[in-house]
Protein backbone atom coordinates (compact mmCIF):
# COMPACT_ATOMS: atom_id res chain seq x y z
CA MET A 1 15.45 -10.99 23.96
CA PHE A 2 16.29 -14.36 22.38
CA ILE A 3 13.08 -14.33 20.32
CA GLU A 4 13.69 -10.81 19.00
CA ALA A 5 17.32 -11.62 18.16
CA LEU A 6 16.25 -14.76 16.31
CA SER A 7 13.66 -12.78 14.32
CA ARG A 8 16.42 -10.48 13.03
CA LEU A 9 18.73 -13.32 12.05
CA ILE A 10 16.18 -15.59 10.39
CA VAL A 11 16.12 -13.55 7.16
CA ARG A 12 19.50 -15.08 6.28
CA ALA A 13 18.47 -18.67 6.98
CA GLU A 14 17.88 -21.54 4.59
CA PRO A 15 14.19 -22.22 3.80
CA SER A 16 14.06 -25.40 5.90
CA VAL A 17 15.35 -23.49 8.95
CA SER A 18 12.82 -20.69 8.37
CA VAL A 19 9.98 -23.24 8.36
CA ASP A 20 11.22 -24.78 11.62
CA VAL A 21 11.49 -21.35 13.26
CA PHE A 22 8.02 -20.37 12.04
CA ARG A 23 6.56 -23.48 13.63
CA LEU A 24 8.56 -22.78 16.80
CA GLY A 25 6.81 -19.41 17.00
CA CYS A 26 3.45 -21.12 16.58
CA ASP A 27 4.30 -23.61 19.34
CA ILE A 28 5.21 -20.83 21.77
CA VAL A 29 1.65 -19.47 21.64
CA SER A 30 -0.13 -22.83 21.57
CA ASP A 31 -1.61 -21.96 24.99
CA PRO A 32 -2.47 -18.24 24.58
CA PRO A 33 -3.47 -17.37 28.18
CA LYS A 34 0.00 -18.40 29.36
CA VAL A 35 1.82 -16.07 26.94
CA HIS A 36 2.83 -12.80 28.60
CA TYR A 37 1.80 -9.79 26.57
CA TRP A 38 5.38 -8.49 26.61
CA LEU A 39 6.17 -11.35 24.23
CA TYR A 40 3.44 -10.52 21.71
CA GLU A 41 5.57 -8.18 19.60
CA PRO A 42 8.79 -10.27 19.43
CA ILE A 43 6.80 -13.42 18.64
CA GLY A 44 4.98 -11.50 15.90
CA ASN A 45 8.33 -10.39 14.45
CA LEU A 46 9.65 -13.95 14.55
CA LEU A 47 6.62 -15.26 12.65
CA LYS A 48 6.65 -12.38 10.16
CA TRP A 49 10.32 -12.59 9.19
CA SER A 50 10.53 -16.37 9.15
CA LEU A 51 7.60 -16.36 6.70
CA ILE A 52 8.98 -13.53 4.56
CA SER A 53 12.43 -15.15 4.38
CA LEU A 54 10.91 -18.07 2.46
CA PRO A 55 10.77 -17.95 -1.34
CA PRO A 56 7.18 -16.98 -2.29
CA GLU A 57 6.50 -20.38 -3.87
CA GLU A 58 7.35 -22.11 -0.56
CA ARG A 59 4.98 -20.08 1.63
CA GLY A 60 1.81 -21.84 0.44
CA PRO A 61 2.13 -24.94 2.68
CA LEU A 62 2.23 -22.68 5.76
CA VAL A 63 -1.09 -21.01 4.96
CA ILE A 64 -3.05 -23.52 7.02
CA ASP A 65 -0.68 -22.97 9.97
CA CYS A 66 -1.34 -19.21 9.74
CA LEU A 67 -5.10 -19.76 9.65
CA GLU A 68 -4.98 -22.16 12.62
CA PHE A 69 -2.87 -19.74 14.65
CA PRO A 70 -4.70 -19.02 17.95
CA LEU A 71 -6.99 -16.02 17.97
CA PRO A 72 -6.40 -13.33 20.64
CA PRO A 73 -7.19 -14.59 24.15
CA GLY A 74 -10.13 -12.87 25.76
CA GLY A 75 -9.50 -10.74 28.84
CA GLN A 76 -5.81 -10.19 28.10
CA PRO A 77 -4.32 -6.67 27.89
CA ALA A 78 -2.85 -5.31 24.64
CA GLN A 79 -4.83 -7.67 22.39
CA TYR A 80 -4.05 -5.43 19.42
CA ASP A 81 -0.43 -6.59 19.64
CA TRP A 82 -1.37 -10.26 19.46
CA PRO A 83 0.68 -11.85 16.63
CA GLU A 84 -1.14 -12.30 13.32
CA PRO A 85 0.93 -14.23 10.77
CA ALA A 86 -2.10 -14.46 8.48
CA GLY A 87 -1.69 -10.72 7.91
CA GLU A 88 1.45 -11.43 5.90
CA LEU A 89 -0.61 -13.62 3.55
CA PHE A 90 -2.66 -10.54 2.67
CA SER A 91 0.37 -8.26 2.45
CA TYR A 92 2.27 -10.52 0.06
CA ASP A 93 -0.80 -11.94 -1.70
CA THR A 94 0.22 -15.54 -1.01
CA PRO A 95 -2.40 -17.78 -2.66
CA PRO A 96 -3.84 -20.50 -0.40
CA ASP A 97 -3.51 -24.09 -1.54
CA ARG A 98 -6.58 -25.82 -0.16
CA PRO A 99 -6.86 -29.50 -1.08
CA PRO A 100 -10.47 -30.49 -1.85
CA GLY A 101 -12.27 -32.23 0.98
CA GLU A 102 -9.44 -32.13 3.51
CA ALA A 103 -10.78 -32.45 7.06
CA ARG A 104 -8.12 -30.17 8.59
CA TRP A 105 -9.22 -27.27 6.41
CA HIS A 106 -12.91 -27.89 7.11
CA ALA A 107 -12.25 -27.85 10.85
CA CYS A 108 -10.15 -24.68 10.61
CA VAL A 109 -12.81 -22.78 8.64
CA ALA A 110 -15.52 -23.96 11.06
CA ARG A 111 -13.55 -22.56 14.01
CA LEU A 112 -13.09 -19.24 12.24
CA LEU A 113 -16.79 -19.00 11.40
CA ALA A 114 -17.66 -19.64 15.04
CA ALA A 115 -15.29 -16.81 16.04
CA VAL A 116 -16.97 -14.39 13.58
CA ALA A 117 -20.14 -14.80 15.63
CA GLU A 118 -18.31 -13.30 18.63
CA THR A 119 -17.45 -9.61 19.19
CA GLY A 120 -14.40 -7.39 19.41
CA ASN A 121 -10.91 -8.39 18.41
CA THR A 122 -11.70 -12.09 18.20
CA ARG A 123 -14.33 -11.41 15.52
CA THR A 124 -12.03 -8.95 13.74
CA ARG A 125 -9.12 -11.38 13.38
CA ALA A 126 -11.39 -14.22 12.27
CA VAL A 127 -13.01 -11.98 9.65
CA HIS A 128 -9.58 -11.05 8.28
CA ARG A 129 -8.61 -14.69 7.80
CA LEU A 130 -11.90 -15.64 6.17
CA ALA A 131 -11.74 -12.52 3.97
CA TYR A 132 -8.37 -13.74 2.70
CA LEU A 133 -9.88 -17.13 1.82
CA ALA A 134 -12.98 -15.56 0.28
CA ALA A 135 -10.88 -13.21 -1.87
CA HIS A 136 -8.98 -16.20 -3.25
CA GLU A 137 -12.23 -18.19 -3.75
CA CYS A 138 -11.13 -20.87 -1.31
CA LEU A 139 -14.37 -21.10 0.66
CA GLU A 140 -16.89 -23.78 -0.24
CA GLN A 141 -20.38 -22.57 -1.12
CA GLY A 142 -21.88 -23.35 2.28
CA GLU A 143 -18.95 -21.75 4.08
CA ARG A 144 -19.22 -18.65 1.92
CA GLN A 145 -22.93 -18.28 2.65
CA GLU A 146 -22.39 -18.70 6.39
CA PHE A 147 -19.56 -16.17 6.32
CA GLY A 148 -21.82 -13.65 4.60
CA ARG A 149 -24.59 -14.24 7.14
CA LEU A 150 -22.29 -13.80 10.14
CA LEU A 151 -20.36 -10.90 8.61
CA TRP A 152 -23.49 -8.80 8.07
CA SER A 153 -25.27 -9.88 11.25
CA SER A 154 -23.84 -6.86 13.08
CA ARG A 155 -23.81 -3.57 11.15
CA ASP A 156 -22.55 -0.11 12.06
CA PRO A 157 -25.03 2.68 11.27
CA VAL A 158 -22.31 5.31 11.76
CA ARG A 159 -20.35 3.76 8.87
CA GLY A 160 -23.25 3.51 6.46
CA GLY A 161 -24.33 0.01 7.49
CA LEU A 162 -20.95 -1.64 6.91
CA PRO A 163 -20.21 -4.67 9.11
CA ARG A 164 -19.17 -3.91 12.67
CA ASP A 165 -15.86 -5.01 14.24
CA VAL A 166 -14.11 -5.97 11.00
CA ASP A 167 -11.40 -3.29 10.60
CA LEU A 168 -11.38 -3.67 6.81
CA PHE A 169 -11.51 -0.96 4.17
CA PRO A 170 -14.88 -0.63 2.39
CA HIS A 171 -13.51 -1.69 -1.02
CA VAL A 172 -12.29 -4.92 0.63
CA ILE A 173 -15.70 -5.51 2.22
CA ALA A 174 -17.23 -4.97 -1.24
CA GLY A 175 -15.48 -8.14 -2.41
CA LEU A 176 -16.81 -10.31 0.41
CA PRO A 177 -20.04 -12.35 0.48
CA GLY A 178 -23.35 -10.60 1.07
CA ILE A 179 -26.60 -11.95 2.44
CA GLY A 180 -29.98 -12.12 0.72
CA ASP A 181 -30.57 -9.06 -1.46
CA LEU A 182 -27.81 -7.06 0.22
CA ASP A 183 -25.16 -5.92 -2.28
CA PRO A 184 -21.79 -5.32 -0.53
CA VAL A 185 -20.57 -3.17 -3.45
CA ALA A 186 -23.60 -0.86 -3.19
CA VAL A 187 -23.19 -0.51 0.59
CA ALA A 188 -19.49 0.29 0.24
CA ARG A 189 -20.02 2.83 -2.56
CA SER A 190 -22.82 4.49 -0.63
CA TYR A 191 -20.59 5.00 2.41
CA LEU A 192 -17.65 6.24 0.34
CA PHE A 193 -19.27 8.49 -2.24
CA GLU A 194 -22.92 9.29 -1.56
CA THR A 195 -22.87 10.84 1.91
CA ALA A 196 -21.66 14.41 2.37
CA LEU A 197 -18.40 14.81 4.31
CA ALA A 198 -19.09 15.78 7.91
CA PRO A 199 -17.49 18.99 9.24
CA VAL A 200 -14.23 18.57 11.14
CA ASP A 201 -14.75 18.20 14.89
CA GLU A 202 -12.25 20.60 16.46
CA THR A 203 -12.44 18.80 19.81
CA LEU A 204 -10.92 15.60 18.39
CA LEU A 205 -7.19 15.05 18.74
CA GLY A 206 -7.29 12.17 16.24
CA PRO A 207 -8.96 11.69 12.85
CA GLY A 208 -12.70 12.32 12.61
CA ASP A 209 -15.25 10.67 10.34
CA ALA A 210 -14.43 12.87 7.34
CA GLU A 211 -10.73 12.01 7.54
CA ARG A 212 -11.44 8.31 7.94
CA ARG A 213 -13.71 8.31 4.92
CA LEU A 214 -11.19 10.20 2.82
CA GLN A 215 -8.54 7.71 3.82
CA CYS A 216 -10.82 4.85 2.77
CA ILE A 217 -11.50 6.53 -0.60
CA GLY A 218 -7.78 7.01 -1.23
CA VAL A 219 -7.00 3.39 -0.42
CA ALA A 220 -9.91 2.15 -2.56
CA ALA A 221 -8.59 4.14 -5.54
CA HIS A 222 -5.24 2.35 -5.23
CA GLY A 223 -6.91 -1.07 -4.76
CA ARG A 224 -4.69 -4.05 -5.45
CA GLU A 225 -5.36 -7.67 -6.23
CA PRO A 226 -7.26 -9.65 -5.16
CA PHE A 227 -9.53 -6.64 -4.49
CA ALA A 228 -10.72 -4.35 -7.26
CA ARG A 229 -10.17 -0.59 -7.31
CA MET A 230 -13.21 1.48 -6.42
CA LEU A 231 -13.42 4.95 -7.99
CA PRO A 232 -16.09 7.65 -7.90
CA ASP A 233 -17.86 8.57 -11.11
CA ARG A 234 -17.50 12.08 -12.47
CA ASN A 235 -20.38 13.58 -10.49
CA GLU A 236 -19.23 11.90 -7.29
CA ALA A 237 -15.68 13.18 -7.88
CA VAL A 238 -16.94 16.76 -8.22
CA LYS A 239 -19.02 16.37 -5.07
CA LEU A 240 -15.99 15.05 -3.19
CA LEU A 241 -13.78 17.92 -4.35
CA ASP A 242 -16.38 20.45 -3.22
CA GLY A 243 -16.65 18.65 0.12
CA ILE A 244 -12.88 18.80 0.57
CA ALA A 245 -12.89 22.51 -0.31
CA ALA A 246 -15.54 23.15 2.34
CA LEU A 247 -13.66 21.14 4.97
CA ILE A 248 -10.43 23.04 4.38
CA ALA A 249 -12.15 26.44 4.20
CA ASN A 250 -13.84 25.82 7.57
CA LEU A 251 -10.72 24.70 9.42
CA PRO A 252 -9.99 26.86 12.46
CA ALA A 253 -7.61 29.77 11.92
CA ASP A 254 -5.91 29.05 15.24
CA ASN A 255 -2.20 28.37 14.60
CA GLY A 256 -1.67 26.37 17.78
CA PRO A 257 0.18 23.05 17.44
CA PHE A 258 -2.92 20.84 17.60
CA LYS A 259 -4.87 22.86 15.04
CA ALA A 260 -1.86 23.06 12.73
CA GLN A 261 -1.44 19.30 12.99
CA MET A 262 -5.14 18.82 12.22
CA ARG A 263 -4.84 21.00 9.12
CA GLU A 264 -1.68 19.24 7.91
CA ARG A 265 -3.28 15.83 8.39
CA LEU A 266 -6.43 16.80 6.53
CA VAL A 267 -4.52 18.32 3.60
CA THR A 268 -2.40 15.16 3.32
CA VAL A 269 -5.31 12.73 3.26
CA ALA A 270 -7.38 15.01 1.00
CA GLY A 271 -4.43 15.29 -1.37
CA SER A 272 -4.26 11.53 -1.70
CA VAL A 273 -7.94 11.43 -2.67
CA ILE A 274 -7.57 14.30 -5.15
CA GLY A 275 -4.63 12.65 -6.88
CA SER A 276 -5.86 9.06 -6.99
CA ALA A 277 -9.66 9.30 -7.12
CA ILE A 278 -10.80 12.78 -8.18
CA LEU A 279 -8.49 14.14 -10.90
CA PRO A 280 -8.75 10.98 -13.07
CA GLN A 281 -12.53 11.51 -13.29
CA LEU A 282 -12.67 15.26 -14.02
CA GLU A 283 -13.00 17.20 -17.26
CA ALA A 284 -11.99 20.79 -17.99
CA ALA A 285 -15.47 22.18 -17.30
CA ASP A 286 -15.35 20.81 -13.74
CA LEU A 287 -12.35 22.85 -12.61
CA THR A 288 -13.72 26.15 -11.37
CA SER A 289 -11.36 28.66 -9.77
CA LEU A 290 -12.34 27.42 -6.29
CA ARG A 291 -11.58 23.82 -7.20
CA TRP A 292 -8.30 24.82 -8.83
CA GLY A 293 -7.37 26.50 -5.57
CA VAL A 294 -7.89 23.29 -3.59
CA VAL A 295 -5.83 21.29 -6.07
CA ASP A 296 -3.02 23.87 -5.88
CA LEU A 297 -3.07 23.83 -2.08
CA CYS A 298 -2.85 20.05 -1.85
CA ALA A 299 -0.13 19.86 -4.54
CA ALA A 300 2.13 22.37 -2.77
CA PRO A 301 5.57 21.16 -1.63
CA GLY A 302 5.45 19.27 1.67
CA SER A 303 1.73 18.48 1.42
CA GLY A 304 2.11 14.69 1.40
CA GLY A 305 2.65 14.05 -2.31
CA GLY A 306 -0.82 12.58 -2.85
CA THR A 307 -2.04 15.21 -5.30
CA LEU A 308 1.30 15.16 -7.08
CA ALA A 309 0.69 11.47 -7.83
CA GLY A 310 -2.26 12.46 -10.02
CA LEU A 311 -0.99 15.79 -11.32
CA HIS A 312 -0.37 14.38 -14.81
CA GLU A 313 -4.17 14.20 -15.21
CA LEU A 314 -4.13 17.98 -15.62
CA ALA A 315 -2.21 17.47 -18.88
CA ARG A 316 -5.18 15.44 -20.12
CA ILE A 317 -7.80 17.84 -18.76
CA SER A 318 -6.10 20.91 -20.22
CA PRO A 319 -3.10 20.46 -22.57
CA ASP A 320 -2.21 24.11 -21.95
CA MET A 321 -1.22 23.01 -18.44
CA VAL A 322 1.63 20.75 -19.66
CA PRO A 323 4.46 23.28 -19.00
CA ARG A 324 3.23 24.03 -15.51
CA VAL A 325 2.60 20.39 -14.62
CA GLY A 326 6.00 19.44 -15.99
CA ALA A 327 7.69 22.16 -13.92
CA ASP A 328 5.90 21.11 -10.70
CA LEU A 329 6.82 17.46 -11.18
CA ARG A 330 10.38 18.36 -12.13
CA ARG A 331 10.90 20.30 -8.90
CA ALA A 332 9.32 17.53 -6.83
CA ILE A 333 11.35 14.67 -8.35
CA ALA A 334 14.58 16.68 -8.06
CA ARG A 335 14.36 18.22 -4.60
CA GLY A 336 11.06 17.34 -2.90
CA ASP A 337 10.79 15.57 0.42
CA ILE A 338 10.39 11.80 0.35
CA LEU A 339 6.59 11.92 0.00
CA ASP A 340 6.75 14.47 -2.80
CA VAL A 341 9.33 12.33 -4.62
CA ASN A 342 7.07 9.29 -4.28
CA GLY A 343 4.07 11.19 -5.64
CA ALA A 344 5.98 12.75 -8.52
CA ALA A 345 7.50 9.38 -9.48
CA ARG A 346 4.07 7.80 -9.71
CA SER A 347 2.69 10.68 -11.78
CA ILE A 348 5.62 10.63 -14.22
CA ARG A 349 5.31 6.86 -14.61
CA ASN A 350 1.57 7.03 -15.29
CA TRP A 351 2.03 9.92 -17.73
CA ALA A 352 4.60 7.93 -19.72
CA TYR A 353 2.30 4.94 -20.17
CA ALA A 354 -0.73 7.11 -20.98
CA ALA A 355 1.26 9.06 -23.58
CA ARG A 356 2.34 5.82 -25.23
CA ASN A 357 -1.34 5.03 -25.76
CA ASP A 358 -1.95 8.54 -27.19
CA ARG A 359 -4.27 9.48 -24.33
CA PHE A 360 -1.96 12.24 -23.08
CA PRO A 361 0.52 14.73 -24.56
CA PRO A 362 4.12 13.41 -24.66
CA LEU A 363 6.14 13.42 -21.45
CA PRO A 364 8.32 16.60 -21.50
CA GLU A 365 12.01 15.94 -22.16
CA PRO A 366 13.17 18.28 -19.33
CA LEU A 367 11.17 16.17 -16.90
CA LYS A 368 12.92 12.96 -17.99
CA ASP A 369 16.29 14.70 -17.83
CA ALA A 370 15.50 15.90 -14.30
CA LEU A 371 14.79 12.33 -13.19
CA ILE A 372 18.12 11.06 -14.56
CA ALA A 373 19.97 14.03 -13.04
CA ALA A 374 18.35 13.39 -9.65
CA LEU A 375 19.66 9.81 -9.76
CA GLU A 376 23.13 11.02 -10.73
CA VAL A 377 23.33 12.99 -7.47
CA GLY A 378 23.75 9.65 -5.66
CA VAL A 379 22.20 8.00 -2.61
CA ARG A 380 19.62 10.20 -0.90
CA HIS A 381 16.02 10.07 0.24
CA GLY A 382 13.51 8.92 -2.37
CA LEU A 383 16.05 6.77 -4.21
CA GLN A 384 13.78 3.74 -4.52
CA ALA A 385 10.94 5.81 -6.02
CA ARG A 386 13.27 7.44 -8.57
CA LEU A 387 14.71 4.06 -9.59
CA TRP A 388 11.19 2.62 -9.86
CA CYS A 389 10.10 5.53 -12.05
CA ALA A 390 13.19 5.27 -14.29
CA ARG A 391 12.59 1.55 -14.82
CA HIS A 392 9.03 2.18 -15.93
CA LEU A 393 10.08 4.94 -18.32
CA LEU A 394 12.58 2.51 -19.83
CA GLN A 395 9.92 -0.19 -20.18
CA ALA A 396 7.50 2.34 -21.68
CA ASP A 397 10.09 3.26 -24.36
CA ALA A 398 9.97 6.83 -23.10
CA LEU A 399 13.74 7.38 -22.80
CA SER A 400 16.18 8.40 -25.51
CA THR A 401 19.37 6.45 -26.17
CA SER A 402 21.48 9.02 -24.33
CA GLN A 403 19.12 8.94 -21.33
CA VAL A 404 19.28 5.13 -21.15
CA GLU A 405 23.08 5.23 -21.35
CA ALA A 406 23.18 7.71 -18.49
CA LEU A 407 20.82 5.48 -16.50
CA SER A 408 23.03 2.46 -17.11
CA ALA A 409 26.09 4.37 -15.91
CA VAL A 410 24.43 5.58 -12.72
CA LEU A 411 23.19 2.08 -11.91
CA ALA A 412 26.79 0.83 -12.06
CA ASP A 413 27.76 3.55 -9.57
CA PHE A 414 25.02 2.45 -7.18
CA ARG A 415 26.55 -1.02 -7.01
CA LYS A 416 29.37 0.53 -4.98
CA GLU A 417 27.36 3.16 -3.13
CA LEU A 418 24.72 0.64 -1.96
CA ALA A 419 27.18 -2.03 -0.83
CA TYR A 420 26.12 -3.25 2.61
CA ASP A 421 29.34 -2.08 4.25
CA LEU A 422 29.05 1.43 2.77
CA MET A 423 25.34 2.23 2.74
CA PRO A 424 24.10 4.92 5.18
CA ARG A 425 22.90 3.64 8.55
CA GLU A 426 20.90 6.67 9.70
CA GLY A 427 19.33 9.88 8.47
CA PRO A 428 16.78 10.32 5.63
CA GLU A 429 19.15 8.63 3.15
CA ALA A 430 18.83 5.35 5.07
CA ILE A 431 15.05 5.18 4.63
CA GLY A 432 14.15 2.46 2.15
CA ILE A 433 17.76 1.68 1.34
CA THR A 434 17.25 -2.09 1.09
CA VAL A 435 14.20 -1.72 -1.16
CA ALA A 436 16.35 0.60 -3.29
CA ARG A 437 18.77 -2.32 -3.73
CA ALA A 438 15.82 -4.47 -4.79
CA GLU A 439 14.76 -1.83 -7.30
CA CYS A 440 18.32 -1.74 -8.69
CA VAL A 441 17.94 -5.46 -9.46
CA ARG A 442 14.68 -4.86 -11.34
CA LEU A 443 16.16 -1.92 -13.23
CA ALA A 444 19.19 -4.03 -14.15
CA ASP A 445 16.90 -6.72 -15.59
CA ALA A 446 15.10 -4.07 -17.64
CA LEU A 447 18.40 -2.70 -18.93
CA VAL A 448 19.60 -6.18 -19.88
CA ALA A 449 16.32 -6.77 -21.73
CA ALA A 450 16.95 -3.51 -23.61
CA GLY A 451 20.45 -4.62 -24.61
CA TYR A 452 22.55 -2.82 -22.00
CA PRO A 453 25.03 -4.53 -19.62
CA ALA A 454 24.13 -4.73 -15.92
CA ALA A 455 25.78 -7.95 -14.79
CA GLU A 456 27.07 -6.33 -11.58
CA TRP A 457 23.49 -6.39 -10.27
CA THR A 458 22.16 -9.60 -11.84
CA ASP A 459 24.91 -12.19 -11.31
CA ASP A 460 24.76 -12.83 -7.56
CA ILE A 461 21.23 -11.84 -6.62
CA GLU A 462 20.34 -15.25 -5.12
CA ALA A 463 23.16 -14.87 -2.58
CA ASP A 464 21.93 -11.56 -1.17
CA PRO A 465 21.31 -11.81 2.60
CA LEU A 466 17.99 -9.91 2.57
CA PRO A 467 14.74 -11.44 1.26
CA GLU A 468 13.43 -8.22 -0.30
CA VAL A 469 16.52 -8.23 -2.55
CA ARG A 470 16.73 -12.01 -3.09
CA PHE A 471 13.13 -12.13 -4.26
CA ALA A 472 13.12 -8.77 -6.08
CA ARG A 473 12.28 -10.43 -9.40
CA LEU A 474 9.24 -12.11 -7.89
CA ASN A 475 7.72 -8.88 -6.52
CA VAL A 476 7.62 -6.49 -9.47
CA GLU A 477 5.18 -3.57 -9.55
């Protein structure tokens, strides 16, 4: 109980205290077999939040501590809950600062390489840490070669020959060392795009191979630094869309709860692939009536928002579709569920930047008005996504003077509505409320840069008690 309580309070601490608490968490697990598995989760929370509470520029010196953190003890239950502070290095893209020739780093990397030669969760965690170093080019040449040899020494034929026991997405594996003539990029692309999607296994309660592959393709299309995006080419995109159409058409008609859940899950993950990986690659000639039907199905309200995120591509493919696309996005940004709002916000943002480069028709004025009007309603679900979208439209010079003035006025209102003592504590409105505060800070900076006042959000940002708000200017997407 003490550890969990401390993890919730540490976000308000001074940096020096956060460092001490982080090292306390490391000391608690210095002898892994003696740590009861009931403590795994609270210790993990303590390490996570003490690290996150530090300013990003002060996290670098703790990288070596994260990499030296004990790997999961063999033979213990619930190994998957074993704390992994190095995971936060990936999540927040903290660059490692490895001094040349330092013995402590050499010894740490050697221990991790030895663990990669093992199996199961020990190998998986060691691979993750070395992948982080490899992605940031912090492995010496000999270490990189040995990592490649050990990584590819055990391959999974079910997953197209990708390494076994690594729990990494294929586009991440593509950026890691190979061995001999083996090309990691070719292996990853082959698994993602060249093999036909297997039919859905109705006996499975969880995701099957087709769903897992679609999930991997969707994540690869969104790839973020230090890993490159991986997209299908046009022919591969058409093949994928036809595969998705066949999967959905062959789903069982049974309306029982398990089958309905299977269908909903498949439509959601397929929609993400359609929006992020398929639509950007298609041309007008590719969209037959059958393929249109699949796009329509996955873009329907409540379908996960993935296809909505790429719906603006239809304005490029067929300019005649602009009114319909604009109407669909307008409804989603105004009154969709939280996933639909997220998808519509991303599509509107991407459309605005593409139109500025003359690659797309202009963003419809009613769509921009709908976004501003949705913000004027006040605090509700999807607020962070709407604020994020509005900031990008401002930075893309896509808003009129009257729209910017309305945006400035509504941001001032949010200063009161998002005060910590007034913000909602439960219900859909409470989801993402602190990241909405962070987005208000970024929007305020954009308004100030455009010549509009927003001092109520910019003056006392460093004093905010939550790190996601304090460091909002350092984490800008």
